[in-house]
Amino acid sequence: MLRLNKSLIADMNPSSHISESFRSLRTYIRQLELLKGSGGQVLLFTSAEGGEGKTTILSNLAVSFVQDGKKVAVVDCNLRHPGLHTVFEVEGSQGLAAYLAGMEEAKDIAVYGNLANLAVIPAGITGVSPPDLLGSDKMPALLEELKTSFDLILLDSPQAVEYSDARILAPLSDGVIIVARHGKTKRESLKKLKGVMEQTGVKILGIAMNQTR
């Protein structure tokens, strides 16, 4: 079962200025013409440091795209400190970790709820090293399967300077959105992150600045 909590401002208060900022981000992504091809597109969200607001931005952007008539899947690839299950108040799924470990089928890990055309795949719980799980052949297989049913697949991931998880996922993505927090994220950390992402060959689509005034 999927419910929605107060972090999803795009759903709870679609007329607010914050919701409008997510619509602006949606428009920017649409203008990149990523959604014009056949099959779904995979976007990776990462940051230089922890606590930048990746999960909140990803979740609200997902709702904004659903409001625009798109079919969206959000996948919590942050197996270290998962957050999507909290934002969407997810129940009834063993999650991505169970699928990658061969304990669940792909069709059994997505959670659907009251918001039409939105599927949530929570991270689940694992004692296995996240890079080992995310680097398995089952991860690209899952994304290929999701592409057949959804217009957009959004991947949440840990900070990329400290951990290698996002670097593993980047080559599987059509682009990466870097999330930074206004007044908190250090310029030097962003430069390191940009270099790390460029090494993977992924296209950097832009920086989403969180909590700007």
C-alpha atoms as a PDB file:
ATOM      1  CA  MET A   1       0.000   0.000   0.000  1.00  0.00           C
ATOM      2  CA  LEU A   2       1.166   3.526  -0.778  1.00  0.00           C
ATOM      3  CA  ARG A   3       0.147   6.695   1.045  1.00  0.00           C
ATOM      4  CA  LEU A   4       1.452  10.229   0.730  1.00  0.00           C
ATOM      5  CA  ASN A   5       2.936  12.345   3.513  1.00  0.00           C
ATOM      6  CA  LYS A   6       3.478  16.049   4.063  1.00  0.00           C
ATOM      7  CA  SER A   7       6.860  16.086   2.296  1.00  0.00           C
ATOM      8  CA  LEU A   8       5.021  15.813  -1.015  1.00  0.00           C
ATOM      9  CA  ILE A   9       4.137  19.470  -1.383  1.00  0.00           C
ATOM     10  CA  ALA A  10       3.534  19.038  -5.129  1.00  0.00           C
ATOM     11  CA  ASP A  11       0.567  16.810  -4.250  1.00  0.00           C
ATOM     12  CA  MET A  12      -0.664  18.399  -1.011  1.00  0.00           C
ATOM     13  CA  ASN A  13      -0.460  22.032  -2.177  1.00  0.00           C
ATOM     14  CA  PRO A  14      -0.092  22.181  -5.979  1.00  0.00           C
ATOM     15  CA  SER A  15      -0.718  25.953  -6.077  1.00  0.00           C
ATOM     16  CA  SER A  16       2.181  26.837  -3.760  1.00  0.00           C
ATOM     17  CA  HIS A  17       5.338  28.561  -4.971  1.00  0.00           C
ATOM     18  CA  ILE A  18       7.304  25.456  -3.991  1.00  0.00           C
ATOM     19  CA  SER A  19       5.118  23.307  -6.253  1.00  0.00           C
ATOM     20  CA  GLU A  20       5.689  25.836  -9.017  1.00  0.00           C
ATOM     21  CA  SER A  21       9.448  25.380  -8.625  1.00  0.00           C
ATOM     22  CA  PHE A  22       9.015  21.648  -9.225  1.00  0.00           C
ATOM     23  CA  ARG A  23       6.944  22.398 -12.317  1.00  0.00           C
ATOM     24  CA  SER A  24       9.798  24.593 -13.514  1.00  0.00           C
ATOM     25  CA  LEU A  25      12.228  21.698 -13.018  1.00  0.00           C
ATOM     26  CA  ARG A  26       9.785  19.426 -14.872  1.00  0.00           C
ATOM     27  CA  THR A  27       9.631  21.910 -17.745  1.00  0.00           C
ATOM     28  CA  TYR A  28      13.423  22.104 -17.873  1.00  0.00           C
ATOM     29  CA  ILE A  29      13.690  18.316 -18.166  1.00  0.00           C
ATOM     30  CA  ARG A  30      10.989  18.235 -20.840  1.00  0.00           C
ATOM     31  CA  GLN A  31      12.853  20.884 -22.821  1.00  0.00           C
ATOM     32  CA  LEU A  32      15.882  18.588 -22.894  1.00  0.00           C
ATOM     33  CA  GLU A  33      13.644  16.313 -25.026  1.00  0.00           C
ATOM     34  CA  LEU A  34      14.560  13.269 -22.970  1.00  0.00           C
ATOM     35  CA  LEU A  35      10.999  11.962 -23.078  1.00  0.00           C
ATOM     36  CA  LYS A  36      10.522  12.042 -26.852  1.00  0.00           C
ATOM     37  CA  GLY A  37      12.142   8.702 -27.622  1.00  0.00           C
ATOM     38  CA  SER A  38      10.586   5.272 -27.349  1.00  0.00           C
ATOM     39  CA  GLY A  39      10.829   3.572 -23.977  1.00  0.00           C
ATOM     40  CA  GLY A  40      11.276   5.094 -20.555  1.00  0.00           C
ATOM     41  CA  GLN A  41      14.145   7.341 -19.553  1.00  0.00           C
ATOM     42  CA  VAL A  42      16.251   6.821 -16.428  1.00  0.00           C
ATOM     43  CA  LEU A  43      17.345   9.830 -14.378  1.00  0.00           C
ATOM     44  CA  LEU A  44      19.779   9.514 -11.487  1.00  0.00           C
ATOM     45  CA  PHE A  45      19.669  11.883  -8.506  1.00  0.00           C
ATOM     46  CA  THR A  46      22.787  12.315  -6.416  1.00  0.00           C
ATOM     47  CA  SER A  47      24.663  14.910  -4.396  1.00  0.00           C
ATOM     48  CA  ALA A  48      28.113  15.779  -3.147  1.00  0.00           C
ATOM     49  CA  GLU A  49      27.206  15.410   0.523  1.00  0.00           C
ATOM     50  CA  GLY A  50      24.472  13.884   2.655  1.00  0.00           C
ATOM     51  CA  GLY A  51      21.388  15.828   3.757  1.00  0.00           C
ATOM     52  CA  GLU A  52      21.053  17.825   0.552  1.00  0.00           C
ATOM     53  CA  GLY A  53      17.391  16.909  -0.029  1.00  0.00           C
ATOM     54  CA  LYS A  54      17.709  14.485  -2.945  1.00  0.00           C
ATOM     55  CA  THR A  55      14.811  12.311  -1.822  1.00  0.00           C
ATOM     56  CA  THR A  56      12.424  15.230  -1.322  1.00  0.00           C
ATOM     57  CA  ILE A  57      13.231  16.789  -4.688  1.00  0.00           C
ATOM     58  CA  LEU A  58      13.024  13.459  -6.524  1.00  0.00           C
ATOM     59  CA  SER A  59       9.687  12.593  -4.887  1.00  0.00           C
ATOM     60  CA  ASN A  60       8.036  15.923  -5.626  1.00  0.00           C
ATOM     61  CA  LEU A  61       9.342  15.900  -9.182  1.00  0.00           C
ATOM     62  CA  ALA A  62       7.833  12.436  -9.624  1.00  0.00           C
ATOM     63  CA  VAL A  63       4.445  13.726  -8.440  1.00  0.00           C
ATOM     64  CA  SER A  64       4.753  16.713 -10.770  1.00  0.00           C
ATOM     65  CA  PHE A  65       5.367  14.452 -13.770  1.00  0.00           C
ATOM     66  CA  VAL A  66       2.422  12.243 -12.783  1.00  0.00           C
ATOM     67  CA  GLN A  67       0.242  15.362 -12.653  1.00  0.00           C
ATOM     68  CA  ASP A  68       1.466  16.048 -16.189  1.00  0.00           C
ATOM     69  CA  GLY A  69       0.146  12.670 -17.347  1.00  0.00           C
ATOM     70  CA  LYS A  70       3.372  10.651 -17.272  1.00  0.00           C
ATOM     71  CA  LYS A  71       3.855   7.171 -15.860  1.00  0.00           C
ATOM     72  CA  VAL A  72       6.648   7.323 -13.291  1.00  0.00           C
ATOM     73  CA  ALA A  73       8.590   4.781 -11.234  1.00  0.00           C
ATOM     74  CA  VAL A  74      10.792   5.898  -8.351  1.00  0.00           C
ATOM     75  CA  VAL A  75      13.488   3.500  -7.171  1.00  0.00           C
ATOM     76  CA  ASP A  76      15.301   3.871  -3.861  1.00  0.00           C
ATOM     77  CA  CYS A  77      18.877   2.874  -4.698  1.00  0.00           C
ATOM     78  CA  ASN A  78      20.154   4.365  -1.447  1.00  0.00           C
ATOM     79  CA  LEU A  79      20.582   1.058   0.322  1.00  0.00           C
ATOM     80  CA  ARG A  80      22.671   2.751   3.031  1.00  0.00           C
ATOM     81  CA  HIS A  81      20.162   5.356   4.257  1.00  0.00           C
ATOM     82  CA  PRO A  82      16.891   4.816   2.372  1.00  0.00           C
ATOM     83  CA  GLY A  83      14.234   7.507   2.465  1.00  0.00           C
ATOM     84  CA  LEU A  84      11.576   6.919  -0.194  1.00  0.00           C
ATOM     85  CA  HIS A  85       9.680   4.483   2.005  1.00  0.00           C
ATOM     86  CA  THR A  86       9.235   7.285   4.534  1.00  0.00           C
ATOM     87  CA  VAL A  87       8.162   9.935   2.023  1.00  0.00           C
ATOM     88  CA  PHE A  88       5.593   7.655   0.380  1.00  0.00           C
ATOM     89  CA  GLU A  89       4.785   5.689   3.568  1.00  0.00           C
ATOM     90  CA  VAL A  90       5.325   2.426   1.705  1.00  0.00           C
ATOM     91  CA  GLU A  91       4.206  -0.937   3.023  1.00  0.00           C
ATOM     92  CA  GLY A  92       4.081  -4.425   1.560  1.00  0.00           C
ATOM     93  CA  SER A  93       7.342  -4.746  -0.363  1.00  0.00           C
ATOM     94  CA  GLN A  94      10.705  -6.362   0.407  1.00  0.00           C
ATOM     95  CA  GLY A  95      12.226  -3.833  -1.944  1.00  0.00           C
ATOM     96  CA  LEU A  96      15.138  -3.481  -4.313  1.00  0.00           C
ATOM     97  CA  ALA A  97      17.621  -5.284  -2.053  1.00  0.00           C
ATOM     98  CA  ALA A  98      15.514  -8.451  -2.040  1.00  0.00           C
ATOM     99  CA  TYR A  99      15.252  -8.385  -5.834  1.00  0.00           C
ATOM    100  CA  LEU A 100      18.983  -7.822  -6.344  1.00  0.00           C
ATOM    101  CA  ALA A 101      19.728 -10.656  -3.917  1.00  0.00           C
ATOM    102  CA  GLY A 102      17.531 -13.002  -5.955  1.00  0.00           C
ATOM    103  CA  MET A 103      14.866 -13.297  -3.249  1.00  0.00           C
ATOM    104  CA  GLU A 104      12.052 -11.482  -5.101  1.00  0.00           C
ATOM    105  CA  GLU A 105      10.880 -11.074  -8.684  1.00  0.00           C
ATOM    106  CA  ALA A 106      10.809  -7.616 -10.255  1.00  0.00           C
ATOM    107  CA  LYS A 107       7.019  -7.717 -10.558  1.00  0.00           C
ATOM    108  CA  ASP A 108       6.654  -8.134  -6.784  1.00  0.00           C
ATOM    109  CA  ILE A 109       8.716  -5.217  -5.472  1.00  0.00           C
ATOM    110  CA  ALA A 110       6.811  -2.196  -6.812  1.00  0.00           C
ATOM    111  CA  VAL A 111       4.146  -0.574  -4.632  1.00  0.00           C
ATOM    112  CA  TYR A 112       1.157   1.228  -6.151  1.00  0.00           C
ATOM    113  CA  GLY A 113      -1.364   3.403  -4.367  1.00  0.00           C
ATOM    114  CA  ASN A 114      -3.791   6.293  -4.559  1.00  0.00           C
ATOM    115  CA  LEU A 115      -1.710   8.384  -6.955  1.00  0.00           C
ATOM    116  CA  ALA A 116      -2.362   6.945 -10.402  1.00  0.00           C
ATOM    117  CA  ASN A 117       0.594   6.113 -12.657  1.00  0.00           C
ATOM    118  CA  LEU A 118       3.163   6.194  -9.853  1.00  0.00           C
ATOM    119  CA  ALA A 119       5.087   3.130  -8.652  1.00  0.00           C
ATOM    120  CA  VAL A 120       7.519   3.104  -5.735  1.00  0.00           C
ATOM    121  CA  ILE A 121      10.289   0.543  -5.290  1.00  0.00           C
ATOM    122  CA  PRO A 122      11.672   0.927  -1.758  1.00  0.00           C
ATOM    123  CA  ALA A 123      15.261   0.030  -0.901  1.00  0.00           C
ATOM    124  CA  GLY A 124      14.527  -2.798   1.512  1.00  0.00           C
ATOM    125  CA  ILE A 125      17.047  -4.121   4.028  1.00  0.00           C
ATOM    126  CA  THR A 126      20.323  -5.876   3.299  1.00  0.00           C
ATOM    127  CA  GLY A 127      23.539  -6.893   5.005  1.00  0.00           C
ATOM    128  CA  VAL A 128      25.352  -7.148   1.663  1.00  0.00           C
ATOM    129  CA  SER A 129      27.621  -4.370   0.417  1.00  0.00           C
ATOM    130  CA  PRO A 130      25.463  -1.952  -1.646  1.00  0.00           C
ATOM    131  CA  PRO A 131      28.000  -1.670  -4.501  1.00  0.00           C
ATOM    132  CA  ASP A 132      27.999  -5.463  -4.840  1.00  0.00           C
ATOM    133  CA  LEU A 133      24.210  -5.526  -5.144  1.00  0.00           C
ATOM    134  CA  LEU A 134      23.879  -2.500  -7.410  1.00  0.00           C
ATOM    135  CA  GLY A 135      26.685  -3.776  -9.633  1.00  0.00           C
ATOM    136  CA  SER A 136      24.942  -7.075 -10.354  1.00  0.00           C
ATOM    137  CA  ASP A 137      23.397  -7.876 -13.736  1.00  0.00           C
ATOM    138  CA  LYS A 138      19.962  -7.732 -12.146  1.00  0.00           C
ATOM    139  CA  MET A 139      20.057  -3.931 -11.837  1.00  0.00           C
ATOM    140  CA  PRO A 140      20.196  -3.148 -15.570  1.00  0.00           C
ATOM    141  CA  ALA A 141      17.683  -5.932 -16.159  1.00  0.00           C
ATOM    142  CA  LEU A 142      15.255  -4.232 -13.752  1.00  0.00           C
ATOM    143  CA  LEU A 143      15.673  -0.864 -15.448  1.00  0.00           C
ATOM    144  CA  GLU A 144      15.075  -2.377 -18.884  1.00  0.00           C
ATOM    145  CA  GLU A 145      11.876  -3.951 -17.590  1.00  0.00           C
ATOM    146  CA  LEU A 146      10.705  -0.682 -16.049  1.00  0.00           C
ATOM    147  CA  LYS A 147      11.359   1.166 -19.309  1.00  0.00           C
ATOM    148  CA  THR A 148       8.678  -0.908 -21.003  1.00  0.00           C
ATOM    149  CA  SER A 149       5.976   0.289 -18.580  1.00  0.00           C
ATOM    150  CA  PHE A 150       7.001   3.787 -17.475  1.00  0.00           C
ATOM    151  CA  ASP A 151       7.880   7.057 -19.179  1.00  0.00           C
ATOM    152  CA  LEU A 152      10.312   8.059 -16.461  1.00  0.00           C
ATOM    153  CA  ILE A 153      12.349   6.097 -13.916  1.00  0.00           C
ATOM    154  CA  LEU A 154      13.900   8.193 -11.131  1.00  0.00           C
ATOM    155  CA  LEU A 155      16.752   6.713  -9.095  1.00  0.00           C
ATOM    156  CA  ASP A 156      17.606   7.965  -5.616  1.00  0.00           C
ATOM    157  CA  SER A 157      21.217   7.342  -4.584  1.00  0.00           C
ATOM    158  CA  PRO A 158      23.697   8.205  -1.813  1.00  0.00           C
ATOM    159  CA  GLN A 159      26.174  11.076  -2.007  1.00  0.00           C
ATOM    160  CA  ALA A 160      28.627  10.299  -4.790  1.00  0.00           C
ATOM    161  CA  VAL A 161      31.858  11.748  -3.404  1.00  0.00           C
ATOM    162  CA  GLU A 162      31.892   9.483  -0.363  1.00  0.00           C
ATOM    163  CA  TYR A 163      30.315   6.351  -1.861  1.00  0.00           C
ATOM    164  CA  SER A 164      30.659   4.564  -5.206  1.00  0.00           C
ATOM    165  CA  ASP A 165      26.966   3.628  -5.537  1.00  0.00           C
ATOM    166  CA  ALA A 166      26.022   6.545  -7.799  1.00  0.00           C
ATOM    167  CA  ARG A 167      29.067   5.894  -9.970  1.00  0.00           C
ATOM    168  CA  ILE A 168      27.817   2.350 -10.534  1.00  0.00           C
ATOM    169  CA  LEU A 169      24.329   3.559 -11.450  1.00  0.00           C
ATOM    170  CA  ALA A 170      25.408   6.478 -13.640  1.00  0.00           C
ATOM    171  CA  PRO A 171      26.248   4.434 -16.781  1.00  0.00           C
ATOM    172  CA  LEU A 172      22.777   2.854 -16.550  1.00  0.00           C
ATOM    173  CA  SER A 173      21.134   6.292 -16.596  1.00  0.00           C
ATOM    174  CA  ASP A 174      20.215   8.704 -19.362  1.00  0.00           C
ATOM    175  CA  GLY A 175      21.305  11.635 -17.250  1.00  0.00           C
ATOM    176  CA  VAL A 176      22.105  12.777 -13.727  1.00  0.00           C
ATOM    177  CA  ILE A 177      20.631  15.626 -11.706  1.00  0.00           C
ATOM    178  CA  ILE A 178      22.875  16.927  -8.949  1.00  0.00           C
ATOM    179  CA  VAL A 179      21.101  18.190  -5.831  1.00  0.00           C
ATOM    180  CA  ALA A 180      22.754  20.872  -3.718  1.00  0.00           C
ATOM    181  CA  ARG A 181      21.537  22.755  -0.652  1.00  0.00           C
ATOM    182  CA  HIS A 182      21.680  26.543  -0.714  1.00  0.00           C
ATOM    183  CA  GLY A 183      24.160  27.859   1.834  1.00  0.00           C
ATOM    184  CA  LYS A 184      25.383  24.382   2.800  1.00  0.00           C
ATOM    185  CA  THR A 185      26.941  22.567  -0.135  1.00  0.00           C
ATOM    186  CA  LYS A 186      30.599  23.477  -0.545  1.00  0.00           C
ATOM    187  CA  ARG A 187      31.780  24.605  -3.971  1.00  0.00           C
ATOM    188  CA  GLU A 188      34.815  22.309  -3.743  1.00  0.00           C
ATOM    189  CA  SER A 189      32.554  19.326  -3.061  1.00  0.00           C
ATOM    190  CA  LEU A 190      30.482  20.143  -6.140  1.00  0.00           C
ATOM    191  CA  LYS A 191      33.635  20.316  -8.247  1.00  0.00           C
ATOM    192  CA  LYS A 192      34.670  16.875  -6.995  1.00  0.00           C
ATOM    193  CA  LEU A 193      31.214  15.487  -7.726  1.00  0.00           C
ATOM    194  CA  LYS A 194      31.210  16.931 -11.230  1.00  0.00           C
ATOM    195  CA  GLY A 195      34.558  15.262 -11.897  1.00  0.00           C
ATOM    196  CA  VAL A 196      33.352  11.937 -10.503  1.00  0.00           C
ATOM    197  CA  MET A 197      30.238  11.973 -12.690  1.00  0.00           C
ATOM    198  CA  GLU A 198      32.155  13.021 -15.787  1.00  0.00           C
ATOM    199  CA  GLN A 199      34.432  10.003 -15.339  1.00  0.00           C
ATOM    200  CA  THR A 200      31.398   7.709 -15.687  1.00  0.00           C
ATOM    201  CA  GLY A 201      30.427   9.241 -19.022  1.00  0.00           C
ATOM    202  CA  VAL A 202      26.917  10.136 -17.867  1.00  0.00           C
ATOM    203  CA  LYS A 203      25.333  13.364 -19.059  1.00  0.00           C
ATOM    204  CA  ILE A 204      25.002  15.940 -16.270  1.00  0.00           C
ATOM    205  CA  LEU A 205      21.587  17.518 -16.844  1.00  0.00           C
ATOM    206  CA  GLY A 206      21.933  20.241 -14.235  1.00  0.00           C
ATOM    207  CA  ILE A 207      21.970  21.190 -10.571  1.00  0.00           C
ATOM    208  CA  ALA A 208      18.742  21.397  -8.549  1.00  0.00           C
ATOM    209  CA  MET A 209      19.319  23.915  -5.778  1.00  0.00           C
ATOM    210  CA  ASN A 210      17.362  23.064  -2.634  1.00  0.00           C
ATOM    211  CA  GLN A 211      16.018  25.646  -0.154  1.00  0.00           C
ATOM    212  CA  THR A 212      16.892  28.775  -2.094  1.00  0.00           C
ATOM    213  CA  ARG A 213      15.400  32.037  -0.917  1.00  0.00           C
END
